[in-house]
């Protein structure tokens, strides 16, 4: 009898150890697979390299943790990175992982550090990436993978280090602290996958920079960024209300350039025209909706 109990004890212990090994192996495999999936989707969405150092998935708890996600700069910039995310936390309905639509209760992204680097009179690294994003109306294909529905998403502790052109007598570095960005019911009306979510997050941060950089960033830089956001329908409401002032800033930049020479005048006029076209196109869209 004692021998039988001992044998059963050994068998049960072996089963428990085997289960633990399987759970750990599945967890490691899932974490690695998720990390690769996140990097692949974000790289495809932004057309620049994206890496993540750690992904922690708990299927039983319905939780996903991300640490140290990095978005690289486009070629030609001094700094290597555009954005670094310290940590992210996702709470998901575990049952929905097996369905076509993954229901996510909340997403919290905390500790976002952005390096906004100016190049030329109005160009910058963030704007270069935004230029490569497709407009909403051009996204006709359905998501290839699972669809996402997110009840609540919040981005907190957002710091933006702005690197401006070195001009004698003016500062070439300034820091912006953005207010938290909150979004709800993502994917409720439109199809949303990881690529579309990446696009939406970057545009939200860019919109926050454009909104809170008003009066701090150079007019040419702000106007050009606002123009690109307008073309994608992502211009913040407060900047829509100040559309006339932005246009005046673009015109003022053009007039100021006349004393510098024909080449600078041409560049300033292009900035003013870009702002005008972007805002006019967005205003027409809003009129149609009404």
C-alpha atoms as a PDB file:
ATOM      1  CA  UNK A   1       0.000   0.000   0.000  1.00  0.00           C
ATOM      2  CA  UNK A   2       2.830   2.355   0.884  1.00  0.00           C
ATOM      3  CA  UNK A   3       4.590   1.459  -2.353  1.00  0.00           C
ATOM      4  CA  UNK A   4       1.390   2.257  -4.310  1.00  0.00           C
ATOM      5  CA  UNK A   5       1.047   5.626  -2.600  1.00  0.00           C
ATOM      6  CA  UNK A   6       4.672   6.394  -3.308  1.00  0.00           C
ATOM      7  CA  UNK A   7       4.221   5.419  -6.940  1.00  0.00           C
ATOM      8  CA  UNK A   8       1.085   7.583  -7.270  1.00  0.00           C
ATOM      9  CA  UNK A   9       2.909  10.472  -5.596  1.00  0.00           C
ATOM     10  CA  UNK A  10       5.770  10.178  -8.071  1.00  0.00           C
ATOM     11  CA  UNK A  11       3.343  10.033 -11.011  1.00  0.00           C
ATOM     12  CA  UNK A  12       1.374  13.063  -9.793  1.00  0.00           C
ATOM     13  CA  UNK A  13       4.581  15.020  -9.202  1.00  0.00           C
ATOM     14  CA  UNK A  14       5.768  14.158 -12.697  1.00  0.00           C
ATOM     15  CA  UNK A  15       2.429  15.293 -14.168  1.00  0.00           C
ATOM     16  CA  UNK A  16       2.599  18.603 -12.280  1.00  0.00           C
ATOM     17  CA  UNK A  17       6.175  19.201 -13.424  1.00  0.00           C
ATOM     18  CA  UNK A  18       5.190  18.354 -17.003  1.00  0.00           C
ATOM     19  CA  UNK A  19       2.257  20.781 -16.875  1.00  0.00           C
ATOM     20  CA  UNK A  20       4.520  23.534 -15.534  1.00  0.00           C
ATOM     21  CA  UNK A  21       7.054  22.872 -18.296  1.00  0.00           C
ATOM     22  CA  UNK A  22       4.315  22.970 -20.949  1.00  0.00           C
ATOM     23  CA  UNK A  23       2.831  26.203 -19.574  1.00  0.00           C
ATOM     24  CA  UNK A  24       6.253  27.865 -19.445  1.00  0.00           C
ATOM     25  CA  UNK A  25       7.121  26.647 -22.951  1.00  0.00           C
ATOM     26  CA  UNK A  26       3.805  27.834 -24.392  1.00  0.00           C
ATOM     27  CA  UNK A  27       4.194  31.171 -22.611  1.00  0.00           C
ATOM     28  CA  UNK A  28       7.715  31.680 -23.942  1.00  0.00           C
ATOM     29  CA  UNK A  29       6.654  30.710 -27.452  1.00  0.00           C
ATOM     30  CA  UNK A  30       3.610  32.975 -27.308  1.00  0.00           C
ATOM     31  CA  UNK A  31       5.659  35.897 -25.976  1.00  0.00           C
ATOM     32  CA  UNK A  32       8.262  35.536 -28.710  1.00  0.00           C
ATOM     33  CA  UNK A  33       5.599  35.152 -31.387  1.00  0.00           C
ATOM     34  CA  UNK A  34       3.717  38.209 -30.117  1.00  0.00           C
ATOM     35  CA  UNK A  35       6.890  40.276 -30.020  1.00  0.00           C
ATOM     36  CA  UNK A  36       7.634  39.427 -33.641  1.00  0.00           C
ATOM     37  CA  UNK A  37       4.013  40.127 -34.631  1.00  0.00           C
ATOM     38  CA  UNK A  38       4.065  43.562 -32.966  1.00  0.00           C
ATOM     39  CA  UNK A  39       7.365  44.481 -34.597  1.00  0.00           C
ATOM     40  CA  UNK A  40       6.205  43.279 -38.019  1.00  0.00           C
ATOM     41  CA  UNK A  41       2.840  45.069 -37.918  1.00  0.00           C
ATOM     42  CA  UNK A  42       4.299  48.355 -36.646  1.00  0.00           C
ATOM     43  CA  UNK A  43       7.144  48.282 -39.172  1.00  0.00           C
ATOM     44  CA  UNK A  44       4.677  47.662 -41.989  1.00  0.00           C
ATOM     45  CA  UNK A  45       2.428  50.494 -40.800  1.00  0.00           C
ATOM     46  CA  UNK A  46       5.167  53.111 -40.355  1.00  0.00           C
ATOM     47  CA  UNK A  47       7.758  52.045 -42.963  1.00  0.00           C
ATOM     48  CA  UNK A  48      10.582  52.334 -40.410  1.00  0.00           C
ATOM     49  CA  UNK A  49      12.133  49.788 -38.074  1.00  0.00           C
ATOM     50  CA  UNK A  50      10.264  48.975 -34.848  1.00  0.00           C
ATOM     51  CA  UNK A  51      11.565  46.787 -32.018  1.00  0.00           C
ATOM     52  CA  UNK A  52      10.256  45.659 -28.633  1.00  0.00           C
ATOM     53  CA  UNK A  53      12.522  44.200 -25.946  1.00  0.00           C
ATOM     54  CA  UNK A  54       9.962  42.346 -23.824  1.00  0.00           C
ATOM     55  CA  UNK A  55       6.428  41.006 -24.224  1.00  0.00           C
ATOM     56  CA  UNK A  56       4.621  39.222 -21.393  1.00  0.00           C
ATOM     57  CA  UNK A  57       1.353  37.446 -22.207  1.00  0.00           C
ATOM     58  CA  UNK A  58      -0.865  35.864 -19.569  1.00  0.00           C
ATOM     59  CA  UNK A  59      -3.659  33.959 -21.300  1.00  0.00           C
ATOM     60  CA  UNK A  60      -5.356  32.959 -18.040  1.00  0.00           C
ATOM     61  CA  UNK A  61      -5.450  36.529 -16.693  1.00  0.00           C
ATOM     62  CA  UNK A  62      -6.172  38.068 -20.087  1.00  0.00           C
ATOM     63  CA  UNK A  63      -3.245  40.462 -19.779  1.00  0.00           C
ATOM     64  CA  UNK A  64      -0.439  41.602 -22.054  1.00  0.00           C
ATOM     65  CA  UNK A  65       2.573  43.659 -21.004  1.00  0.00           C
ATOM     66  CA  UNK A  66       5.034  45.411 -23.316  1.00  0.00           C
ATOM     67  CA  UNK A  67       8.328  47.020 -22.354  1.00  0.00           C
ATOM     68  CA  UNK A  68      10.777  49.215 -24.244  1.00  0.00           C
ATOM     69  CA  UNK A  69       9.187  49.578 -27.662  1.00  0.00           C
ATOM     70  CA  UNK A  70      11.337  51.678 -30.023  1.00  0.00           C
ATOM     71  CA  UNK A  71      10.393  53.329 -33.335  1.00  0.00           C
ATOM     72  CA  UNK A  72      13.402  54.215 -35.483  1.00  0.00           C
ATOM     73  CA  UNK A  73      13.903  57.470 -37.344  1.00  0.00           C
ATOM     74  CA  UNK A  74      13.667  57.663 -41.134  1.00  0.00           C
ATOM     75  CA  UNK A  75      17.056  57.830 -42.908  1.00  0.00           C
ATOM     76  CA  UNK A  76      18.922  61.131 -42.921  1.00  0.00           C
ATOM     77  CA  UNK A  77      18.347  62.257 -39.333  1.00  0.00           C
ATOM     78  CA  UNK A  78      20.916  62.770 -36.598  1.00  0.00           C
ATOM     79  CA  UNK A  79      19.113  60.766 -33.909  1.00  0.00           C
ATOM     80  CA  UNK A  80      18.485  57.023 -34.237  1.00  0.00           C
ATOM     81  CA  UNK A  81      15.009  56.942 -32.724  1.00  0.00           C
ATOM     82  CA  UNK A  82      11.759  58.854 -33.151  1.00  0.00           C
ATOM     83  CA  UNK A  83       9.838  57.349 -30.225  1.00  0.00           C
ATOM     84  CA  UNK A  84      10.431  55.137 -27.211  1.00  0.00           C
ATOM     85  CA  UNK A  85       7.659  53.589 -25.105  1.00  0.00           C
ATOM     86  CA  UNK A  86       8.663  52.587 -21.588  1.00  0.00           C
ATOM     87  CA  UNK A  87       5.783  50.215 -20.883  1.00  0.00           C
ATOM     88  CA  UNK A  88       2.322  49.256 -22.055  1.00  0.00           C
ATOM     89  CA  UNK A  89      -0.436  47.198 -20.451  1.00  0.00           C
ATOM     90  CA  UNK A  90      -3.389  45.575 -22.212  1.00  0.00           C
ATOM     91  CA  UNK A  91      -6.407  43.890 -20.618  1.00  0.00           C
ATOM     92  CA  UNK A  92      -8.279  41.593 -22.981  1.00  0.00           C
ATOM     93  CA  UNK A  93     -11.274  39.271 -22.765  1.00  0.00           C
ATOM     94  CA  UNK A  94      -9.520  35.904 -22.918  1.00  0.00           C
ATOM     95  CA  UNK A  95     -12.448  34.166 -24.665  1.00  0.00           C
ATOM     96  CA  UNK A  96     -12.351  36.655 -27.529  1.00  0.00           C
ATOM     97  CA  UNK A  97      -8.819  35.576 -28.447  1.00  0.00           C
ATOM     98  CA  UNK A  98     -10.403  32.606 -30.220  1.00  0.00           C
ATOM     99  CA  UNK A  99     -12.938  34.729 -32.137  1.00  0.00           C
ATOM    100  CA  UNK A 100     -12.632  36.960 -35.206  1.00  0.00           C
ATOM    101  CA  UNK A 101     -12.864  40.122 -33.083  1.00  0.00           C
ATOM    102  CA  UNK A 102     -10.575  40.490 -30.067  1.00  0.00           C
ATOM    103  CA  UNK A 103     -12.296  42.556 -27.367  1.00  0.00           C
ATOM    104  CA  UNK A 104      -9.823  44.656 -25.406  1.00  0.00           C
ATOM    105  CA  UNK A 105     -11.098  46.298 -22.229  1.00  0.00           C
ATOM    106  CA  UNK A 106      -8.348  48.844 -21.833  1.00  0.00           C
ATOM    107  CA  UNK A 107      -4.909  49.807 -23.110  1.00  0.00           C
ATOM    108  CA  UNK A 108      -2.506  51.937 -21.077  1.00  0.00           C
ATOM    109  CA  UNK A 109       0.712  53.232 -22.642  1.00  0.00           C
ATOM    110  CA  UNK A 110       2.921  54.960 -20.083  1.00  0.00           C
ATOM    111  CA  UNK A 111       6.208  56.782 -20.576  1.00  0.00           C
ATOM    112  CA  UNK A 112       6.379  57.931 -24.210  1.00  0.00           C
ATOM    113  CA  UNK A 113       9.526  59.821 -25.207  1.00  0.00           C
ATOM    114  CA  UNK A 114       9.533  61.472 -28.632  1.00  0.00           C
ATOM    115  CA  UNK A 115      12.458  63.185 -30.359  1.00  0.00           C
ATOM    116  CA  UNK A 116      11.056  65.667 -32.889  1.00  0.00           C
ATOM    117  CA  UNK A 117      13.966  66.628 -35.133  1.00  0.00           C
ATOM    118  CA  UNK A 118      13.699  69.525 -37.573  1.00  0.00           C
ATOM    119  CA  UNK A 119      15.244  69.271 -41.041  1.00  0.00           C
ATOM    120  CA  UNK A 120      15.087  72.213 -43.409  1.00  0.00           C
ATOM    121  CA  UNK A 121      12.702  75.119 -42.877  1.00  0.00           C
ATOM    122  CA  UNK A 122       9.549  73.079 -42.278  1.00  0.00           C
ATOM    123  CA  UNK A 123      10.473  69.378 -42.454  1.00  0.00           C
ATOM    124  CA  UNK A 124      10.858  66.978 -39.521  1.00  0.00           C
ATOM    125  CA  UNK A 125      11.125  63.252 -38.809  1.00  0.00           C
ATOM    126  CA  UNK A 126       7.561  62.808 -37.536  1.00  0.00           C
ATOM    127  CA  UNK A 127       6.149  64.527 -40.597  1.00  0.00           C
ATOM    128  CA  UNK A 128       8.208  62.286 -42.897  1.00  0.00           C
ATOM    129  CA  UNK A 129       6.648  59.177 -41.343  1.00  0.00           C
ATOM    130  CA  UNK A 130       3.140  60.659 -41.460  1.00  0.00           C
ATOM    131  CA  UNK A 131       3.569  61.376 -45.183  1.00  0.00           C
ATOM    132  CA  UNK A 132       3.904  57.631 -45.755  1.00  0.00           C
ATOM    133  CA  UNK A 133       0.647  56.780 -43.955  1.00  0.00           C
ATOM    134  CA  UNK A 134      -2.335  56.015 -46.216  1.00  0.00           C
ATOM    135  CA  UNK A 135      -5.375  58.260 -46.047  1.00  0.00           C
ATOM    136  CA  UNK A 136      -8.521  56.679 -44.563  1.00  0.00           C
ATOM    137  CA  UNK A 137     -10.380  56.734 -47.858  1.00  0.00           C
ATOM    138  CA  UNK A 138      -7.589  54.727 -49.507  1.00  0.00           C
ATOM    139  CA  UNK A 139      -7.837  51.904 -46.963  1.00  0.00           C
ATOM    140  CA  UNK A 140     -10.399  49.812 -48.805  1.00  0.00           C
ATOM    141  CA  UNK A 141      -9.066  46.353 -48.000  1.00  0.00           C
ATOM    142  CA  UNK A 142     -10.361  44.480 -44.981  1.00  0.00           C
ATOM    143  CA  UNK A 143      -7.914  43.631 -42.167  1.00  0.00           C
ATOM    144  CA  UNK A 144      -6.032  40.444 -43.007  1.00  0.00           C
ATOM    145  CA  UNK A 145      -5.771  39.284 -39.385  1.00  0.00           C
ATOM    146  CA  UNK A 146      -8.050  39.525 -36.387  1.00  0.00           C
ATOM    147  CA  UNK A 147     -10.084  42.679 -35.865  1.00  0.00           C
ATOM    148  CA  UNK A 148      -9.714  44.642 -32.655  1.00  0.00           C
ATOM    149  CA  UNK A 149     -12.249  46.453 -30.516  1.00  0.00           C
ATOM    150  CA  UNK A 150     -10.856  48.604 -27.705  1.00  0.00           C
ATOM    151  CA  UNK A 151     -13.138  50.029 -25.017  1.00  0.00           C
ATOM    152  CA  UNK A 152     -10.613  52.490 -23.616  1.00  0.00           C
ATOM    153  CA  UNK A 153      -7.078  53.586 -24.541  1.00  0.00           C
ATOM    154  CA  UNK A 154      -4.904  56.065 -22.639  1.00  0.00           C
ATOM    155  CA  UNK A 155      -1.400  57.380 -23.340  1.00  0.00           C
ATOM    156  CA  UNK A 156       0.265  59.014 -20.327  1.00  0.00           C
ATOM    157  CA  UNK A 157       3.548  60.726 -19.441  1.00  0.00           C
ATOM    158  CA  UNK A 158       4.315  61.929 -22.975  1.00  0.00           C
ATOM    159  CA  UNK A 159       7.506  63.969 -23.334  1.00  0.00           C
ATOM    160  CA  UNK A 160       8.649  65.527 -26.598  1.00  0.00           C
ATOM    161  CA  UNK A 161      12.221  66.747 -27.039  1.00  0.00           C
ATOM    162  CA  UNK A 162      12.262  69.126 -30.009  1.00  0.00           C
ATOM    163  CA  UNK A 163      15.566  69.563 -31.858  1.00  0.00           C
ATOM    164  CA  UNK A 164      15.419  72.757 -33.936  1.00  0.00           C
ATOM    165  CA  UNK A 165      17.810  74.136 -36.532  1.00  0.00           C
ATOM    166  CA  UNK A 166      20.753  75.935 -34.899  1.00  0.00           C
ATOM    167  CA  UNK A 167      20.093  79.656 -35.424  1.00  0.00           C
ATOM    168  CA  UNK A 168      22.284  82.266 -33.674  1.00  0.00           C
ATOM    169  CA  UNK A 169      20.440  83.958 -30.834  1.00  0.00           C
ATOM    170  CA  UNK A 170      17.637  81.362 -30.681  1.00  0.00           C
ATOM    171  CA  UNK A 171      17.175  78.168 -28.687  1.00  0.00           C
ATOM    172  CA  UNK A 172      17.699  74.954 -30.628  1.00  0.00           C
ATOM    173  CA  UNK A 173      16.150  72.566 -28.081  1.00  0.00           C
ATOM    174  CA  UNK A 174      12.858  72.679 -26.202  1.00  0.00           C
ATOM    175  CA  UNK A 175      10.732  70.166 -24.301  1.00  0.00           C
ATOM    176  CA  UNK A 176       6.971  69.683 -24.482  1.00  0.00           C
ATOM    177  CA  UNK A 177       4.969  67.785 -21.863  1.00  0.00           C
ATOM    178  CA  UNK A 178       1.752  66.619 -23.509  1.00  0.00           C
ATOM    179  CA  UNK A 179      -1.495  66.125 -21.638  1.00  0.00           C
ATOM    180  CA  UNK A 180      -2.686  62.488 -21.503  1.00  0.00           C
ATOM    181  CA  UNK A 181      -4.384  61.252 -24.666  1.00  0.00           C
ATOM    182  CA  UNK A 182      -7.632  59.323 -24.172  1.00  0.00           C
ATOM    183  CA  UNK A 183      -9.667  57.446 -26.788  1.00  0.00           C
ATOM    184  CA  UNK A 184     -12.717  55.203 -26.460  1.00  0.00           C
ATOM    185  CA  UNK A 185     -14.636  52.676 -28.576  1.00  0.00           C
ATOM    186  CA  UNK A 186     -11.845  52.115 -31.096  1.00  0.00           C
ATOM    187  CA  UNK A 187     -12.874  49.730 -33.847  1.00  0.00           C
ATOM    188  CA  UNK A 188     -16.541  50.174 -33.016  1.00  0.00           C
ATOM    189  CA  UNK A 189     -17.470  51.769 -36.343  1.00  0.00           C
ATOM    190  CA  UNK A 190     -14.440  50.948 -38.516  1.00  0.00           C
ATOM    191  CA  UNK A 191     -12.394  47.814 -39.025  1.00  0.00           C
ATOM    192  CA  UNK A 192      -9.317  47.986 -36.810  1.00  0.00           C
ATOM    193  CA  UNK A 193      -6.270  45.739 -36.895  1.00  0.00           C
ATOM    194  CA  UNK A 194      -2.781  46.142 -35.423  1.00  0.00           C
ATOM    195  CA  UNK A 195      -1.568  48.146 -38.433  1.00  0.00           C
ATOM    196  CA  UNK A 196      -4.517  50.566 -38.284  1.00  0.00           C
ATOM    197  CA  UNK A 197      -4.083  50.854 -34.501  1.00  0.00           C
ATOM    198  CA  UNK A 198      -0.399  51.771 -34.903  1.00  0.00           C
ATOM    199  CA  UNK A 199      -1.373  54.465 -37.416  1.00  0.00           C
ATOM    200  CA  UNK A 200      -4.055  55.834 -35.087  1.00  0.00           C
ATOM    201  CA  UNK A 201      -1.685  56.003 -32.104  1.00  0.00           C
ATOM    202  CA  UNK A 202       1.038  57.869 -33.997  1.00  0.00           C
ATOM    203  CA  UNK A 203      -1.452  60.359 -35.432  1.00  0.00           C
ATOM    204  CA  UNK A 204      -2.883  60.964 -31.944  1.00  0.00           C
ATOM    205  CA  UNK A 205       0.583  61.785 -30.587  1.00  0.00           C
ATOM    206  CA  UNK A 206       1.356  63.970 -33.620  1.00  0.00           C
ATOM    207  CA  UNK A 207      -1.941  65.790 -33.090  1.00  0.00           C
ATOM    208  CA  UNK A 208      -1.040  66.412 -29.449  1.00  0.00           C
ATOM    209  CA  UNK A 209       2.325  67.853 -30.493  1.00  0.00           C
ATOM    210  CA  UNK A 210       0.691  70.128 -33.086  1.00  0.00           C
ATOM    211  CA  UNK A 211      -1.926  71.296 -30.580  1.00  0.00           C
ATOM    212  CA  UNK A 212       0.359  71.942 -27.631  1.00  0.00           C
ATOM    213  CA  UNK A 213       3.259  73.160 -29.755  1.00  0.00           C
ATOM    214  CA  UNK A 214       1.246  76.157 -30.988  1.00  0.00           C
ATOM    215  CA  UNK A 215       3.150  79.311 -30.059  1.00  0.00           C
ATOM    216  CA  UNK A 216       6.264  77.295 -29.173  1.00  0.00           C
ATOM    217  CA  UNK A 217       7.252  75.509 -32.372  1.00  0.00           C
ATOM    218  CA  UNK A 218       8.353  77.525 -35.430  1.00  0.00           C
ATOM    219  CA  UNK A 219       5.341  78.562 -37.533  1.00  0.00           C
ATOM    220  CA  UNK A 220       6.700  76.834 -40.644  1.00  0.00           C
ATOM    221  CA  UNK A 221       7.260  73.568 -38.783  1.00  0.00           C
ATOM    222  CA  UNK A 222       3.869  73.649 -37.063  1.00  0.00           C
ATOM    223  CA  UNK A 223       2.009  74.667 -40.214  1.00  0.00           C
ATOM    224  CA  UNK A 224       3.569  71.908 -42.300  1.00  0.00           C
ATOM    225  CA  UNK A 225       2.796  69.259 -39.646  1.00  0.00           C
ATOM    226  CA  UNK A 226      -0.786  70.536 -39.339  1.00  0.00           C
ATOM    227  CA  UNK A 227      -1.157  70.330 -43.109  1.00  0.00           C
ATOM    228  CA  UNK A 228      -0.152  66.642 -43.165  1.00  0.00           C
ATOM    229  CA  UNK A 229      -2.534  65.865 -40.293  1.00  0.00           C
ATOM    230  CA  UNK A 230      -5.319  67.700 -42.130  1.00  0.00           C
ATOM    231  CA  UNK A 231      -4.825  65.568 -45.234  1.00  0.00           C
ATOM    232  CA  UNK A 232      -5.361  62.451 -43.097  1.00  0.00           C
ATOM    233  CA  UNK A 233      -8.345  63.865 -41.215  1.00  0.00           C
ATOM    234  CA  UNK A 234      -6.380  63.874 -37.952  1.00  0.00           C
ATOM    235  CA  UNK A 235      -6.107  67.612 -37.260  1.00  0.00           C
ATOM    236  CA  UNK A 236      -7.119  68.394 -33.631  1.00  0.00           C
ATOM    237  CA  UNK A 237     -10.346  70.394 -33.230  1.00  0.00           C
ATOM    238  CA  UNK A 238      -8.556  73.288 -31.540  1.00  0.00           C
ATOM    239  CA  UNK A 239      -6.317  73.705 -34.595  1.00  0.00           C
ATOM    240  CA  UNK A 240      -9.334  73.520 -36.884  1.00  0.00           C
ATOM    241  CA  UNK A 241     -10.724  76.507 -34.993  1.00  0.00           C
ATOM    242  CA  UNK A 242      -7.401  78.298 -35.429  1.00  0.00           C
ATOM    243  CA  UNK A 243      -7.157  77.396 -39.121  1.00  0.00           C
ATOM    244  CA  UNK A 244      -7.176  81.035 -40.220  1.00  0.00           C
ATOM    245  CA  UNK A 245      -4.320  81.876 -37.883  1.00  0.00           C
ATOM    246  CA  UNK A 246      -2.280  78.986 -39.273  1.00  0.00           C
ATOM    247  CA  UNK A 247      -2.878  80.221 -42.802  1.00  0.00           C
ATOM    248  CA  UNK A 248      -1.772  83.711 -41.752  1.00  0.00           C
ATOM    249  CA  UNK A 249       1.364  82.197 -40.237  1.00  0.00           C
ATOM    250  CA  UNK A 250       2.109  80.473 -43.534  1.00  0.00           C
ATOM    251  CA  UNK A 251       1.563  83.726 -45.436  1.00  0.00           C
ATOM    252  CA  UNK A 252       3.724  85.625 -42.965  1.00  0.00           C
ATOM    253  CA  UNK A 253       6.506  83.116 -43.459  1.00  0.00           C
ATOM    254  CA  UNK A 254       6.281  83.695 -47.209  1.00  0.00           C
ATOM    255  CA  UNK A 255       6.523  87.502 -46.855  1.00  0.00           C
ATOM    256  CA  UNK A 256       9.394  87.282 -44.410  1.00  0.00           C
ATOM    257  CA  UNK A 257      11.313  85.130 -46.858  1.00  0.00           C
ATOM    258  CA  UNK A 258      11.379  87.831 -49.567  1.00  0.00           C
ATOM    259  CA  UNK A 259      14.343  89.567 -48.000  1.00  0.00           C
ATOM    260  CA  UNK A 260      16.383  86.393 -48.073  1.00  0.00           C
ATOM    261  CA  UNK A 261      16.236  85.526 -51.769  1.00  0.00           C
ATOM    262  CA  UNK A 262      14.180  83.793 -54.425  1.00  0.00           C
ATOM    263  CA  UNK A 263      15.083  80.264 -53.260  1.00  0.00           C
ATOM    264  CA  UNK A 264      13.821  80.852 -49.722  1.00  0.00           C
ATOM    265  CA  UNK A 265      10.708  82.599 -51.079  1.00  0.00           C
ATOM    266  CA  UNK A 266       9.863  79.519 -53.150  1.00  0.00           C
ATOM    267  CA  UNK A 267      10.202  77.254 -50.092  1.00  0.00           C
ATOM    268  CA  UNK A 268       8.031  79.507 -47.946  1.00  0.00           C
ATOM    269  CA  UNK A 269       5.356  79.716 -50.647  1.00  0.00           C
ATOM    270  CA  UNK A 270       5.289  75.911 -50.853  1.00  0.00           C
ATOM    271  CA  UNK A 271       4.746  75.753 -47.078  1.00  0.00           C
ATOM    272  CA  UNK A 272       1.894  78.271 -47.278  1.00  0.00           C
ATOM    273  CA  UNK A 273       0.291  76.410 -50.197  1.00  0.00           C
ATOM    274  CA  UNK A 274       0.612  73.063 -48.367  1.00  0.00           C
ATOM    275  CA  UNK A 275      -1.135  74.465 -45.301  1.00  0.00           C
ATOM    276  CA  UNK A 276      -3.883  76.022 -47.425  1.00  0.00           C
ATOM    277  CA  UNK A 277      -4.538  72.854 -49.442  1.00  0.00           C
ATOM    278  CA  UNK A 278      -4.550  70.632 -46.357  1.00  0.00           C
ATOM    279  CA  UNK A 279      -6.963  72.804 -44.373  1.00  0.00           C
ATOM    280  CA  UNK A 280      -9.252  73.503 -47.331  1.00  0.00           C
ATOM    281  CA  UNK A 281      -9.510  69.782 -48.062  1.00  0.00           C
ATOM    282  CA  UNK A 282     -10.370  69.019 -44.454  1.00  0.00           C
ATOM    283  CA  UNK A 283     -12.960  71.804 -44.252  1.00  0.00           C
ATOM    284  CA  UNK A 284     -14.657  70.460 -47.383  1.00  0.00           C
ATOM    285  CA  UNK A 285     -14.857  67.022 -45.774  1.00  0.00           C
ATOM    286  CA  UNK A 286     -16.502  68.460 -42.705  1.00  0.00           C
ATOM    287  CA  UNK A 287     -19.037  70.388 -44.841  1.00  0.00           C
ATOM    288  CA  UNK A 288     -20.048  67.198 -46.639  1.00  0.00           C
ATOM    289  CA  UNK A 289     -20.643  65.427 -43.361  1.00  0.00           C
ATOM    290  CA  UNK A 290     -23.003  68.155 -42.253  1.00  0.00           C
END
